[in-house]
């Protein structure tokens, strides 16, 4: 990728954010006029020991936020954004050879719609350790770790590292 080549049309880039600050980063960026999104999924969690289960929103890509801009993004513009406690929210960009790496629109669109599309149900012959495919994540391929109830725990390579995530079992199919 050539540093001198400008992206004249808007492109998505991946920002790295402080742990657990994805929602706050998107809120602050949006208030300041930047275009930012974070893909989320709904997960059932128990509150406390033996507490009631409640549906909570968790990041599909922890510590990553998608930022859309024209031209090459300048980290300085975003590095001065702080949370309520005075800590930096934006810690950097996902880069390739030291340059912010543009993410195709189709990938971001697939991530943003991953939790809303109803897809094929899991094939009964899939067992833990088998290769799986997740169409909602732009046909991402990974391994099924285990399945309990309506949740499948899978390991998928995403954004350059192996990510373990829980997704709706109906969104997983045999690879």
N, C-alpha and C. Protein backbone atom coordinates (compact mmCIF):
# COMPACT_ATOMS: atom_id res chain seq x y z
N UNK A 1 0.85 -1.17 0.00
CA UNK A 1 0.00 0.00 0.00
C UNK A 1 0.90 1.23 0.00
N UNK A 2 0.65 2.17 -0.84
CA UNK A 2 1.49 3.35 -1.00
C UNK A 2 0.97 4.48 -0.11
N UNK A 3 1.88 5.06 0.70
CA UNK A 3 1.50 6.13 1.62
C UNK A 3 0.97 7.36 0.89
N UNK A 4 1.47 7.59 -0.34
CA UNK A 4 1.06 8.78 -1.09
C UNK A 4 -0.32 8.64 -1.73
N UNK A 5 -0.81 7.39 -1.86
CA UNK A 5 -2.11 7.17 -2.50
C UNK A 5 -3.23 7.57 -1.53
N UNK A 6 -4.06 8.48 -1.95
CA UNK A 6 -5.17 8.92 -1.11
C UNK A 6 -6.43 8.15 -1.43
N UNK A 7 -7.20 7.87 -0.41
CA UNK A 7 -8.52 7.28 -0.61
C UNK A 7 -9.48 8.45 -0.74
N UNK A 8 -9.88 8.76 -1.95
CA UNK A 8 -10.76 9.91 -2.15
C UNK A 8 -12.18 9.59 -1.72
N UNK A 9 -12.59 8.34 -1.90
CA UNK A 9 -13.93 7.96 -1.45
C UNK A 9 -13.83 7.52 0.01
N UNK A 10 -14.91 7.70 0.76
CA UNK A 10 -14.87 7.31 2.18
C UNK A 10 -14.56 5.82 2.34
N UNK A 11 -13.75 5.50 3.33
CA UNK A 11 -13.38 4.11 3.64
C UNK A 11 -13.54 3.89 5.14
N UNK A 12 -13.74 2.64 5.51
CA UNK A 12 -13.80 2.26 6.91
C UNK A 12 -12.40 1.90 7.39
N UNK A 13 -12.08 2.31 8.60
CA UNK A 13 -10.84 1.96 9.26
C UNK A 13 -11.18 1.44 10.65
N UNK A 14 -10.29 0.66 11.23
CA UNK A 14 -10.53 0.10 12.55
C UNK A 14 -9.71 0.87 13.58
N UNK A 15 -10.39 1.41 14.57
CA UNK A 15 -9.74 2.07 15.69
C UNK A 15 -9.62 1.08 16.84
N UNK A 16 -8.52 1.11 17.55
CA UNK A 16 -8.42 0.33 18.78
C UNK A 16 -8.78 1.27 19.92
N UNK A 17 -9.54 0.74 20.87
CA UNK A 17 -10.01 1.57 21.98
C UNK A 17 -9.64 0.90 23.30
N UNK A 18 -9.73 1.66 24.37
CA UNK A 18 -9.45 1.13 25.70
C UNK A 18 -10.44 0.00 26.02
N UNK A 19 -10.02 -0.98 26.82
CA UNK A 19 -10.90 -2.12 27.14
C UNK A 19 -12.23 -1.68 27.73
N UNK A 20 -13.30 -2.22 27.19
CA UNK A 20 -14.64 -1.93 27.69
C UNK A 20 -15.17 -0.54 27.35
N UNK A 21 -14.50 0.19 26.49
CA UNK A 21 -14.90 1.56 26.17
C UNK A 21 -15.45 1.71 24.76
N UNK A 22 -15.87 0.62 24.14
CA UNK A 22 -16.35 0.69 22.76
C UNK A 22 -17.56 1.60 22.63
N UNK A 23 -18.55 1.43 23.51
CA UNK A 23 -19.77 2.24 23.43
C UNK A 23 -19.46 3.72 23.66
N UNK A 24 -18.67 4.00 24.67
CA UNK A 24 -18.33 5.39 24.98
C UNK A 24 -17.54 6.03 23.84
N UNK A 25 -16.63 5.26 23.22
CA UNK A 25 -15.85 5.79 22.10
C UNK A 25 -16.76 6.18 20.94
N UNK A 26 -17.71 5.31 20.60
CA UNK A 26 -18.63 5.61 19.49
C UNK A 26 -19.49 6.83 19.84
N UNK A 27 -19.98 6.90 21.08
CA UNK A 27 -20.80 8.05 21.50
C UNK A 27 -20.02 9.36 21.39
N UNK A 28 -18.79 9.37 21.90
CA UNK A 28 -17.98 10.59 21.87
C UNK A 28 -17.63 10.97 20.44
N UNK A 29 -17.21 9.98 19.63
CA UNK A 29 -16.87 10.27 18.23
C UNK A 29 -18.08 10.82 17.48
N UNK A 30 -19.25 10.24 17.69
CA UNK A 30 -20.47 10.71 17.01
C UNK A 30 -20.81 12.14 17.42
N UNK A 31 -20.69 12.44 18.71
CA UNK A 31 -20.97 13.81 19.18
C UNK A 31 -20.01 14.82 18.56
N UNK A 32 -18.81 14.39 18.24
CA UNK A 32 -17.82 15.29 17.64
C UNK A 32 -17.87 15.32 16.12
N UNK A 33 -18.87 14.65 15.53
CA UNK A 33 -19.06 14.72 14.09
C UNK A 33 -18.37 13.63 13.29
N UNK A 34 -17.75 12.66 13.94
CA UNK A 34 -17.13 11.55 13.23
C UNK A 34 -18.15 10.45 12.99
N UNK A 35 -17.94 9.64 11.95
CA UNK A 35 -18.80 8.49 11.69
C UNK A 35 -18.12 7.29 12.33
N UNK A 36 -18.79 6.66 13.29
CA UNK A 36 -18.22 5.52 13.99
C UNK A 36 -19.33 4.52 14.31
N UNK A 37 -18.98 3.24 14.28
CA UNK A 37 -19.93 2.17 14.60
C UNK A 37 -19.21 1.08 15.36
N UNK A 38 -19.99 0.32 16.12
CA UNK A 38 -19.46 -0.87 16.79
C UNK A 38 -20.49 -1.98 16.64
N UNK A 39 -20.09 -3.10 16.06
CA UNK A 39 -21.04 -4.21 15.96
C UNK A 39 -21.25 -4.85 17.33
N UNK A 40 -22.50 -5.12 17.65
CA UNK A 40 -22.83 -5.71 18.96
C UNK A 40 -23.70 -6.93 18.77
N UNK A 41 -23.75 -7.75 19.81
CA UNK A 41 -24.66 -8.88 19.83
C UNK A 41 -25.36 -8.91 21.18
N UNK A 42 -26.54 -9.48 21.21
CA UNK A 42 -27.29 -9.61 22.45
C UNK A 42 -26.96 -10.96 23.06
N UNK A 43 -26.59 -10.95 24.34
CA UNK A 43 -26.20 -12.16 25.06
C UNK A 43 -26.94 -12.20 26.38
N UNK A 44 -27.41 -13.39 26.76
CA UNK A 44 -28.06 -13.55 28.05
C UNK A 44 -27.00 -13.70 29.12
N UNK A 45 -27.09 -12.90 30.19
CA UNK A 45 -26.15 -12.96 31.31
C UNK A 45 -26.93 -13.00 32.61
N UNK A 46 -26.33 -13.66 33.60
CA UNK A 46 -26.92 -13.66 34.94
C UNK A 46 -26.31 -12.52 35.74
N UNK A 47 -27.13 -11.87 36.53
CA UNK A 47 -26.62 -10.80 37.39
C UNK A 47 -26.36 -11.38 38.78
N UNK A 48 -25.10 -11.44 39.18
CA UNK A 48 -24.73 -11.96 40.50
C UNK A 48 -24.92 -13.45 40.61
N UNK A 49 -24.76 -13.98 41.82
CA UNK A 49 -24.92 -15.42 42.07
C UNK A 49 -26.40 -15.79 42.05
N UNK A 50 -26.77 -16.63 41.10
CA UNK A 50 -28.15 -17.08 41.01
C UNK A 50 -29.13 -15.98 40.65
N UNK A 51 -28.62 -14.88 40.17
CA UNK A 51 -29.48 -13.75 39.80
C UNK A 51 -30.30 -14.05 38.56
N UNK A 52 -31.18 -13.14 38.25
CA UNK A 52 -32.02 -13.30 37.06
C UNK A 52 -31.20 -13.09 35.81
N UNK A 53 -31.61 -13.79 34.77
CA UNK A 53 -30.96 -13.61 33.48
C UNK A 53 -31.51 -12.37 32.81
N UNK A 54 -30.61 -11.63 32.16
CA UNK A 54 -31.06 -10.46 31.41
C UNK A 54 -30.28 -10.39 30.12
N UNK A 55 -30.90 -9.80 29.13
CA UNK A 55 -30.30 -9.65 27.82
C UNK A 55 -29.42 -8.40 27.82
N UNK A 56 -28.11 -8.57 27.53
CA UNK A 56 -27.20 -7.43 27.52
C UNK A 56 -26.54 -7.35 26.15
N UNK A 57 -26.12 -6.16 25.82
CA UNK A 57 -25.45 -5.89 24.55
C UNK A 57 -23.94 -5.99 24.77
N UNK A 58 -23.28 -6.88 24.01
CA UNK A 58 -21.83 -7.01 24.13
C UNK A 58 -21.19 -6.77 22.77
N UNK A 59 -19.96 -6.25 22.76
CA UNK A 59 -19.29 -5.98 21.48
C UNK A 59 -18.96 -7.27 20.74
N UNK A 60 -19.23 -7.29 19.46
CA UNK A 60 -18.86 -8.42 18.62
C UNK A 60 -17.36 -8.41 18.34
N UNK A 61 -16.76 -7.23 18.35
CA UNK A 61 -15.32 -7.06 18.16
C UNK A 61 -14.77 -6.27 19.33
N UNK A 62 -14.47 -6.93 20.46
CA UNK A 62 -13.99 -6.20 21.64
C UNK A 62 -12.73 -5.39 21.33
N UNK A 63 -12.69 -4.17 21.85
CA UNK A 63 -11.58 -3.22 21.72
C UNK A 63 -11.42 -2.65 20.32
N UNK A 64 -12.37 -2.90 19.41
CA UNK A 64 -12.32 -2.34 18.06
C UNK A 64 -13.58 -1.55 17.78
N UNK A 65 -13.42 -0.40 17.12
CA UNK A 65 -14.53 0.44 16.67
C UNK A 65 -14.25 0.79 15.22
N UNK A 66 -15.27 0.82 14.40
CA UNK A 66 -15.11 1.15 12.99
C UNK A 66 -15.33 2.65 12.79
N UNK A 67 -14.43 3.26 12.02
CA UNK A 67 -14.44 4.71 11.79
C UNK A 67 -14.39 4.95 10.29
N UNK A 68 -15.32 5.75 9.77
CA UNK A 68 -15.38 6.02 8.32
C UNK A 68 -14.89 7.43 8.05
N UNK A 69 -13.95 7.55 7.12
CA UNK A 69 -13.45 8.87 6.75
C UNK A 69 -12.92 8.85 5.32
N UNK A 70 -12.77 10.03 4.74
CA UNK A 70 -12.19 10.19 3.41
C UNK A 70 -10.71 10.50 3.57
N UNK A 71 -9.90 10.05 2.63
CA UNK A 71 -8.46 10.29 2.71
C UNK A 71 -7.84 9.42 3.79
N UNK A 72 -6.57 9.63 4.07
CA UNK A 72 -5.89 8.87 5.12
C UNK A 72 -6.29 9.42 6.46
N UNK A 73 -6.69 8.57 7.39
CA UNK A 73 -7.05 9.06 8.73
C UNK A 73 -5.81 9.56 9.46
N UNK A 74 -6.00 10.60 10.25
CA UNK A 74 -4.90 11.14 11.03
C UNK A 74 -5.14 10.81 12.50
N UNK A 75 -4.25 10.02 13.06
CA UNK A 75 -4.42 9.59 14.45
C UNK A 75 -4.45 10.77 15.41
N UNK A 76 -3.70 11.81 15.10
CA UNK A 76 -3.65 12.96 16.01
C UNK A 76 -5.06 13.52 16.26
N UNK A 77 -5.89 13.54 15.22
CA UNK A 77 -7.25 14.08 15.37
C UNK A 77 -8.06 13.30 16.41
N UNK A 78 -7.77 12.02 16.54
CA UNK A 78 -8.55 11.16 17.43
C UNK A 78 -7.84 10.84 18.74
N UNK A 79 -6.53 11.04 18.79
CA UNK A 79 -5.78 10.65 19.98
C UNK A 79 -6.06 11.55 21.17
N UNK A 80 -6.63 12.70 20.93
CA UNK A 80 -6.89 13.65 22.00
C UNK A 80 -8.31 13.53 22.54
N UNK A 81 -8.95 12.41 22.32
CA UNK A 81 -10.31 12.20 22.81
C UNK A 81 -10.22 11.37 24.10
N UNK A 82 -10.77 11.91 25.17
CA UNK A 82 -10.65 11.29 26.48
C UNK A 82 -12.03 10.91 27.04
N UNK A 83 -12.04 9.93 27.96
CA UNK A 83 -13.28 9.57 28.63
C UNK A 83 -13.50 10.49 29.82
N UNK A 84 -14.54 10.22 30.60
CA UNK A 84 -14.89 11.08 31.74
C UNK A 84 -13.80 11.11 32.81
N UNK A 85 -12.98 10.06 32.88
CA UNK A 85 -11.94 9.98 33.90
C UNK A 85 -10.61 10.56 33.43
N UNK A 86 -10.56 11.08 32.21
CA UNK A 86 -9.33 11.66 31.69
C UNK A 86 -8.39 10.67 31.01
N UNK A 87 -8.86 9.44 30.76
CA UNK A 87 -8.05 8.44 30.06
C UNK A 87 -8.35 8.50 28.57
N UNK A 88 -7.33 8.21 27.76
CA UNK A 88 -7.54 8.21 26.31
C UNK A 88 -8.50 7.09 25.91
N UNK A 89 -9.48 7.43 25.07
CA UNK A 89 -10.41 6.43 24.56
C UNK A 89 -9.81 5.70 23.36
N UNK A 90 -9.24 6.44 22.42
CA UNK A 90 -8.70 5.86 21.19
C UNK A 90 -7.22 5.58 21.40
N UNK A 91 -6.83 4.31 21.22
CA UNK A 91 -5.42 3.96 21.47
C UNK A 91 -4.63 3.76 20.18
N UNK A 92 -5.30 3.70 19.03
CA UNK A 92 -4.59 3.56 17.77
C UNK A 92 -5.47 3.08 16.65
N UNK A 93 -4.84 2.75 15.53
CA UNK A 93 -5.50 2.19 14.35
C UNK A 93 -5.00 0.79 14.13
N UNK A 94 -5.82 -0.04 13.50
CA UNK A 94 -5.35 -1.32 13.00
C UNK A 94 -4.55 -1.00 11.75
N UNK A 95 -3.30 -1.43 11.69
CA UNK A 95 -2.42 -1.05 10.59
C UNK A 95 -1.87 -2.26 9.86
N UNK A 96 -1.42 -2.01 8.66
CA UNK A 96 -0.70 -2.99 7.85
C UNK A 96 0.53 -2.27 7.33
N UNK A 97 1.70 -2.77 7.65
CA UNK A 97 2.97 -2.12 7.29
C UNK A 97 3.02 -0.68 7.80
N UNK A 98 2.48 -0.44 8.98
CA UNK A 98 2.55 0.87 9.59
C UNK A 98 1.53 1.88 9.12
N UNK A 99 0.64 1.48 8.20
CA UNK A 99 -0.38 2.39 7.68
C UNK A 99 -1.77 1.93 8.09
N UNK A 100 -2.67 2.86 8.40
CA UNK A 100 -4.05 2.46 8.67
C UNK A 100 -4.59 1.66 7.49
N UNK A 101 -5.23 0.53 7.80
CA UNK A 101 -5.67 -0.39 6.75
C UNK A 101 -7.16 -0.20 6.49
N UNK A 102 -7.54 0.17 5.25
CA UNK A 102 -8.97 0.33 4.95
C UNK A 102 -9.68 -1.03 4.91
N UNK A 103 -10.86 -1.07 5.51
CA UNK A 103 -11.67 -2.28 5.57
C UNK A 103 -12.77 -2.17 4.52
N UNK A 104 -12.97 -3.22 3.70
CA UNK A 104 -14.03 -3.16 2.68
C UNK A 104 -15.41 -2.92 3.29
N UNK A 105 -16.22 -2.15 2.60
CA UNK A 105 -17.58 -1.86 3.06
C UNK A 105 -18.37 -3.13 3.34
N UNK A 106 -18.18 -4.16 2.50
CA UNK A 106 -18.94 -5.40 2.65
C UNK A 106 -18.65 -6.07 4.00
N UNK A 107 -17.41 -6.00 4.46
CA UNK A 107 -17.04 -6.63 5.73
C UNK A 107 -17.73 -5.91 6.89
N UNK A 108 -17.69 -4.58 6.87
CA UNK A 108 -18.32 -3.81 7.94
C UNK A 108 -19.83 -4.02 7.90
N UNK A 109 -20.42 -4.00 6.71
CA UNK A 109 -21.86 -4.24 6.59
C UNK A 109 -22.23 -5.61 7.14
N UNK A 110 -21.43 -6.63 6.84
CA UNK A 110 -21.70 -7.98 7.33
C UNK A 110 -21.61 -8.04 8.85
N UNK A 111 -20.62 -7.38 9.42
CA UNK A 111 -20.49 -7.35 10.88
C UNK A 111 -21.65 -6.62 11.53
N UNK A 112 -22.08 -5.53 10.94
CA UNK A 112 -23.16 -4.75 11.53
C UNK A 112 -24.51 -5.46 11.45
N UNK A 113 -24.68 -6.32 10.46
CA UNK A 113 -25.96 -7.04 10.33
C UNK A 113 -25.89 -8.46 10.89
N UNK A 114 -24.74 -8.85 11.44
CA UNK A 114 -24.56 -10.23 11.91
C UNK A 114 -25.58 -10.64 12.96
N UNK A 115 -25.99 -9.74 13.80
CA UNK A 115 -26.90 -10.11 14.87
C UNK A 115 -28.37 -9.99 14.48
N UNK A 116 -28.64 -9.41 13.32
CA UNK A 116 -30.04 -9.19 12.96
C UNK A 116 -30.56 -10.17 11.93
N UNK A 117 -29.67 -10.89 11.26
CA UNK A 117 -30.14 -11.79 10.21
C UNK A 117 -30.39 -13.19 10.76
N UNK A 118 -31.50 -13.76 10.41
CA UNK A 118 -31.79 -15.13 10.80
C UNK A 118 -31.25 -16.06 9.75
N UNK A 119 -30.31 -16.90 10.14
CA UNK A 119 -29.65 -17.76 9.17
C UNK A 119 -29.95 -19.23 9.43
N UNK A 120 -29.31 -20.10 8.68
CA UNK A 120 -29.53 -21.53 8.79
C UNK A 120 -29.22 -22.05 10.18
N UNK A 121 -29.91 -23.08 10.57
CA UNK A 121 -29.64 -23.67 11.88
C UNK A 121 -28.44 -24.61 11.80
N UNK A 122 -27.88 -24.89 12.96
CA UNK A 122 -26.69 -25.73 13.03
C UNK A 122 -27.01 -27.14 12.54
N UNK A 123 -26.10 -27.71 11.81
CA UNK A 123 -26.27 -29.06 11.30
C UNK A 123 -26.00 -30.04 12.43
N UNK A 124 -26.83 -31.05 12.57
CA UNK A 124 -26.72 -31.97 13.70
C UNK A 124 -25.40 -32.73 13.73
N UNK A 125 -24.71 -32.82 12.61
CA UNK A 125 -23.46 -33.58 12.60
C UNK A 125 -22.26 -32.74 13.03
N UNK A 126 -22.45 -31.47 13.30
CA UNK A 126 -21.33 -30.63 13.74
C UNK A 126 -21.03 -30.96 15.20
N UNK A 127 -19.77 -31.19 15.47
CA UNK A 127 -19.30 -31.50 16.81
C UNK A 127 -18.22 -30.50 17.21
N UNK A 128 -17.99 -30.32 18.50
CA UNK A 128 -16.89 -29.44 18.92
C UNK A 128 -15.58 -29.83 18.23
N UNK A 129 -14.88 -28.82 17.73
CA UNK A 129 -13.63 -29.05 17.01
C UNK A 129 -13.81 -29.05 15.50
N UNK A 130 -15.06 -29.19 15.02
CA UNK A 130 -15.32 -29.21 13.58
C UNK A 130 -15.21 -27.80 13.00
N UNK A 131 -14.88 -27.74 11.71
CA UNK A 131 -14.84 -26.47 11.00
C UNK A 131 -16.27 -25.98 10.78
N UNK A 132 -16.47 -24.69 10.99
CA UNK A 132 -17.80 -24.09 10.79
C UNK A 132 -17.65 -22.85 9.93
N UNK A 133 -18.81 -22.37 9.46
CA UNK A 133 -18.87 -21.16 8.65
C UNK A 133 -19.97 -20.29 9.22
N UNK A 134 -19.72 -18.97 9.29
CA UNK A 134 -20.71 -18.03 9.81
C UNK A 134 -21.05 -17.04 8.69
N UNK A 135 -22.13 -17.30 7.95
CA UNK A 135 -22.49 -16.41 6.84
C UNK A 135 -22.70 -14.96 7.25
N UNK A 136 -23.20 -14.72 8.46
CA UNK A 136 -23.45 -13.35 8.92
C UNK A 136 -22.16 -12.56 9.10
N UNK A 137 -21.04 -13.25 9.20
CA UNK A 137 -19.75 -12.58 9.34
C UNK A 137 -18.96 -12.69 8.04
N UNK A 138 -19.64 -12.47 6.94
CA UNK A 138 -19.02 -12.49 5.62
C UNK A 138 -18.37 -13.84 5.33
N UNK A 139 -19.11 -14.92 5.68
CA UNK A 139 -18.66 -16.31 5.50
C UNK A 139 -17.35 -16.60 6.22
N UNK A 140 -17.20 -16.06 7.42
CA UNK A 140 -16.01 -16.33 8.22
C UNK A 140 -15.96 -17.81 8.57
N UNK A 141 -14.77 -18.39 8.52
CA UNK A 141 -14.58 -19.80 8.82
C UNK A 141 -13.83 -19.91 10.14
N UNK A 142 -14.22 -20.88 10.96
CA UNK A 142 -13.56 -21.08 12.24
C UNK A 142 -13.82 -22.47 12.76
N UNK A 143 -13.73 -22.64 14.06
CA UNK A 143 -13.95 -23.93 14.72
C UNK A 143 -15.02 -23.77 15.79
N UNK A 144 -15.86 -24.80 15.90
CA UNK A 144 -16.86 -24.84 16.95
C UNK A 144 -16.18 -25.33 18.23
N UNK A 145 -16.27 -24.53 19.30
CA UNK A 145 -15.67 -24.94 20.57
C UNK A 145 -16.69 -25.76 21.35
N UNK A 146 -17.88 -25.23 21.54
CA UNK A 146 -18.98 -26.00 22.13
C UNK A 146 -20.29 -25.28 21.86
N UNK A 147 -21.38 -25.97 22.15
CA UNK A 147 -22.71 -25.41 21.95
C UNK A 147 -23.56 -25.76 23.15
N UNK A 148 -24.19 -24.74 23.73
CA UNK A 148 -25.08 -24.94 24.88
C UNK A 148 -26.33 -24.12 24.65
N UNK A 149 -27.46 -24.76 24.70
CA UNK A 149 -28.71 -24.06 24.48
C UNK A 149 -28.74 -23.46 23.09
N UNK A 150 -29.02 -22.17 23.01
CA UNK A 150 -29.07 -21.48 21.72
C UNK A 150 -27.77 -20.78 21.37
N UNK A 151 -26.71 -21.00 22.15
CA UNK A 151 -25.44 -20.33 21.90
C UNK A 151 -24.37 -21.31 21.45
N UNK A 152 -23.61 -20.88 20.45
CA UNK A 152 -22.45 -21.65 19.99
C UNK A 152 -21.22 -20.83 20.31
N UNK A 153 -20.26 -21.44 20.97
CA UNK A 153 -18.99 -20.76 21.21
C UNK A 153 -18.05 -21.17 20.10
N UNK A 154 -17.55 -20.19 19.34
CA UNK A 154 -16.72 -20.45 18.17
C UNK A 154 -15.43 -19.66 18.26
N UNK A 155 -14.41 -20.13 17.56
CA UNK A 155 -13.14 -19.42 17.42
C UNK A 155 -12.99 -19.08 15.95
N UNK A 156 -12.89 -17.78 15.65
CA UNK A 156 -12.83 -17.29 14.27
C UNK A 156 -11.67 -16.31 14.16
N UNK A 157 -10.91 -16.41 13.05
CA UNK A 157 -9.87 -15.41 12.83
C UNK A 157 -10.54 -14.17 12.27
N UNK A 158 -10.36 -13.05 12.99
CA UNK A 158 -11.00 -11.80 12.62
C UNK A 158 -10.03 -10.66 12.90
N UNK A 159 -9.82 -9.81 11.92
CA UNK A 159 -8.97 -8.64 12.07
C UNK A 159 -7.56 -9.00 12.52
N UNK A 160 -7.06 -10.11 12.00
CA UNK A 160 -5.67 -10.49 12.24
C UNK A 160 -5.40 -11.28 13.50
N UNK A 161 -6.41 -11.62 14.28
CA UNK A 161 -6.18 -12.44 15.46
C UNK A 161 -7.35 -13.40 15.66
N UNK A 162 -7.10 -14.46 16.40
CA UNK A 162 -8.12 -15.46 16.67
C UNK A 162 -9.04 -14.93 17.75
N UNK A 163 -10.33 -14.87 17.47
CA UNK A 163 -11.33 -14.36 18.40
C UNK A 163 -12.27 -15.48 18.80
N UNK A 164 -12.51 -15.58 20.08
CA UNK A 164 -13.49 -16.53 20.59
C UNK A 164 -14.75 -15.74 20.90
N UNK A 165 -15.88 -16.19 20.40
CA UNK A 165 -17.12 -15.46 20.62
C UNK A 165 -18.29 -16.42 20.73
N UNK A 166 -19.33 -15.96 21.36
CA UNK A 166 -20.58 -16.70 21.44
C UNK A 166 -21.56 -16.07 20.47
N UNK A 167 -22.14 -16.90 19.62
CA UNK A 167 -23.14 -16.39 18.68
C UNK A 167 -24.33 -17.33 18.68
N UNK A 168 -25.42 -16.84 18.15
CA UNK A 168 -26.63 -17.63 18.05
C UNK A 168 -26.33 -18.88 17.24
N UNK A 169 -26.74 -20.01 17.76
CA UNK A 169 -26.43 -21.29 17.13
C UNK A 169 -27.07 -21.40 15.74
N UNK A 170 -28.14 -20.65 15.49
CA UNK A 170 -28.78 -20.67 14.19
C UNK A 170 -27.99 -19.94 13.11
N UNK A 171 -26.93 -19.25 13.50
CA UNK A 171 -26.10 -18.52 12.55
C UNK A 171 -24.84 -19.27 12.16
N UNK A 172 -24.73 -20.52 12.61
CA UNK A 172 -23.55 -21.34 12.35
C UNK A 172 -23.94 -22.51 11.44
N UNK A 173 -23.09 -22.81 10.48
CA UNK A 173 -23.31 -23.98 9.63
C UNK A 173 -21.99 -24.69 9.39
N UNK A 174 -22.07 -25.95 8.96
CA UNK A 174 -20.87 -26.74 8.70
C UNK A 174 -20.11 -26.11 7.52
N UNK A 175 -18.79 -26.12 7.65
CA UNK A 175 -17.94 -25.55 6.58
C UNK A 175 -17.75 -26.54 5.45
